[in-house]
Protein backbone atom coordinates (compact mmCIF):
# COMPACT_ATOMS: atom_id res chain seq x y z
CA MET A 1 8.97 29.18 46.46
CA SER A 2 5.61 28.53 48.00
CA GLU A 3 4.32 25.26 49.33
CA ILE A 4 0.96 23.66 48.73
CA GLY A 5 0.57 21.01 51.35
CA ASN A 6 3.93 19.27 51.27
CA ARG A 7 4.65 20.01 47.61
CA ILE A 8 6.94 22.77 46.41
CA ILE A 9 5.94 24.52 43.19
CA THR A 10 8.78 24.18 40.71
CA ARG A 11 9.70 26.16 37.61
CA GLY A 12 8.52 23.18 35.55
CA ASP A 13 5.10 23.36 37.23
CA ILE A 14 4.80 27.04 36.35
CA LEU A 15 5.87 26.40 32.74
CA ALA A 16 3.36 23.53 32.45
CA LEU A 17 0.63 25.80 33.82
CA GLU A 18 1.57 28.50 31.31
CA VAL A 19 1.36 25.99 28.45
CA ARG A 20 -2.06 24.80 29.66
CA CYS A 21 -3.32 28.38 29.98
CA LEU A 22 -2.13 29.35 26.49
CA GLU A 23 -3.66 26.19 25.04
CA GLN A 24 -6.97 26.96 26.73
CA ILE A 25 -6.90 30.53 25.42
CA ARG A 26 -6.30 29.20 21.86
CA GLU A 27 -9.17 26.71 22.26
CA ASP A 28 -11.49 29.43 23.58
CA THR A 29 -10.55 31.75 20.72
CA LEU A 30 -11.20 29.01 18.16
CA TYR A 31 -14.52 28.21 19.84
CA GLU A 32 -15.60 31.87 19.57
CA ILE A 33 -14.55 32.08 15.92
CA ARG A 34 -16.39 28.86 15.04
CA ASN A 35 -19.46 29.87 17.03
CA ASP A 36 -19.64 33.24 15.26
CA ALA A 37 -19.33 31.42 11.94
CA LYS A 38 -22.17 29.09 12.93
CA LEU A 39 -24.41 32.01 13.77
CA ARG A 40 -23.67 33.65 10.40
CA ALA A 41 -23.90 30.39 8.44
CA VAL A 42 -27.24 29.36 9.88
CA LEU A 43 -28.75 32.45 8.24
CA THR A 44 -26.91 32.33 4.92
CA SER A 45 -26.24 28.70 4.01
CA LYS A 46 -28.58 26.82 1.74
CA ASN A 47 -27.75 23.30 2.92
CA TYR A 48 -25.78 21.44 5.56
CA ASP A 49 -22.67 21.00 3.41
CA GLU A 50 -22.42 24.74 2.84
CA PHE A 51 -22.98 25.35 6.56
CA LYS A 52 -20.26 22.83 7.47
CA ASN A 53 -17.80 24.33 4.98
CA ILE A 54 -18.31 27.82 6.40
CA VAL A 55 -17.78 26.62 9.95
CA ASP A 56 -14.78 24.43 9.03
CA ALA A 57 -13.07 27.35 7.27
CA ALA A 58 -13.85 29.95 9.94
CA HIS A 59 -10.33 29.97 11.38
CA LEU A 60 -8.66 30.56 8.00
CA THR A 61 -7.51 34.00 6.92
CA PRO A 62 -7.09 35.13 3.32
CA LEU A 63 -3.63 35.42 1.83
CA SER A 64 -2.41 38.98 1.62
CA ALA A 65 -0.80 40.40 -1.51
CA SER A 66 2.57 40.36 0.26
CA ASP A 67 2.12 36.64 1.02
CA LYS A 68 1.52 35.94 -2.65
CA MET A 69 4.44 38.08 -3.82
CA ASN A 70 6.97 36.87 -1.23
CA SER A 71 9.92 35.37 -3.13
CA LYS A 72 10.11 32.40 -0.76
CA THR A 73 6.46 31.49 -1.26
CA LYS A 74 5.82 32.84 -4.75
CA THR A 75 6.38 29.47 -6.44
CA ARG A 76 4.55 27.47 -3.78
CA ILE A 77 1.47 25.58 -4.88
CA TRP A 78 -1.17 26.91 -2.47
CA ASN A 79 -3.79 24.34 -3.40
CA SER A 80 -1.98 21.08 -4.06
CA ALA A 81 -5.26 19.30 -4.81
CA SER A 82 -5.80 21.52 -7.85
CA SER A 83 -2.46 20.60 -9.43
CA ASN A 84 -3.32 16.92 -9.89
């Protein structure tokens, strides 16, 4: 173990650092995805609501055919708002 000043770096410190690093990587990835969507949306959207919807949905990925046909998820209501 190495010392920084009088403090010994513990396994918990390393795990906490790993969690922080992974969280930052996820945040950076989401930032890049949203920024790319903004750059595309500014050229294609007709109004602010359309722009906002494009940016808000940038992190979503379409369902694959296997997702739709999976026996565990086949009967799932994908859009619960539409069933009301």
